[in-house]
């Protein structure tokens, strides 16, 4: 009977795990696998500890706690590299749209700032409508809206107008000059953040928005610029 219950539980978790993987974003998969790996390693460490094999259990438990972000007894500067500030949000604003990027989930949300859809959430508009807007906005806004579309529907370029999709980029510089206030918003930091905070926020963001990770060249350029602007103030 216990073996049957275990088998049913395994099938149950496999089924719902696969359903979740089908709909999850890459960063959610990464975080989910990290958490699952940490829990599994902690359980295995417990089994070794019960058997008296402490030499194996101790390092395994430490590795598990590192994956889960639990590192008791270590200085705060050490644990910060594993733990992000919950709810941290980056903001990027152009003439046409303002976008928010969650550091926790990597999800983007935005609102239109001008035109007939002023004040409308991007999530409230369907993809074809958003694609049509690309033709009538400035280059910087177009690049930011394209970055949102890439995360919402990676196939929009295939289904949209080829001219609009091709013109959705922006110069490698990532837009115009950036003030320190804008830089803090881009990195999701409070004014006066330390150099370590700036570097850490930049590193965490680049893991989510770097073009090699399916992110946006424009957003990566803005995040790099924000880091440079703020670190110059600490030089």
Foldseek 3Di string as FASTA:
>chain_A
DVVVVVVVVVVVCVVVVVVCVVPADPVVVVLVVLLVQLVVLLVVLVVCVVVVNPVVSVVSNCSSCLSVLHDPPDDPVVSCLRDDDPQQWAWDDDPFKIKIAGLVRRAIKIATCDDPRHGPIPVVDDLQVLLVVLVPDDQLVLLVSVQNCCRVPVCSCVVYDVVSSVSSHDDLLLDDADDLVNLCRRLRHDPPDDLSSLVSSLVSVCVSAPVVSSHGSNSNNSSVNSNVNVVVVVD
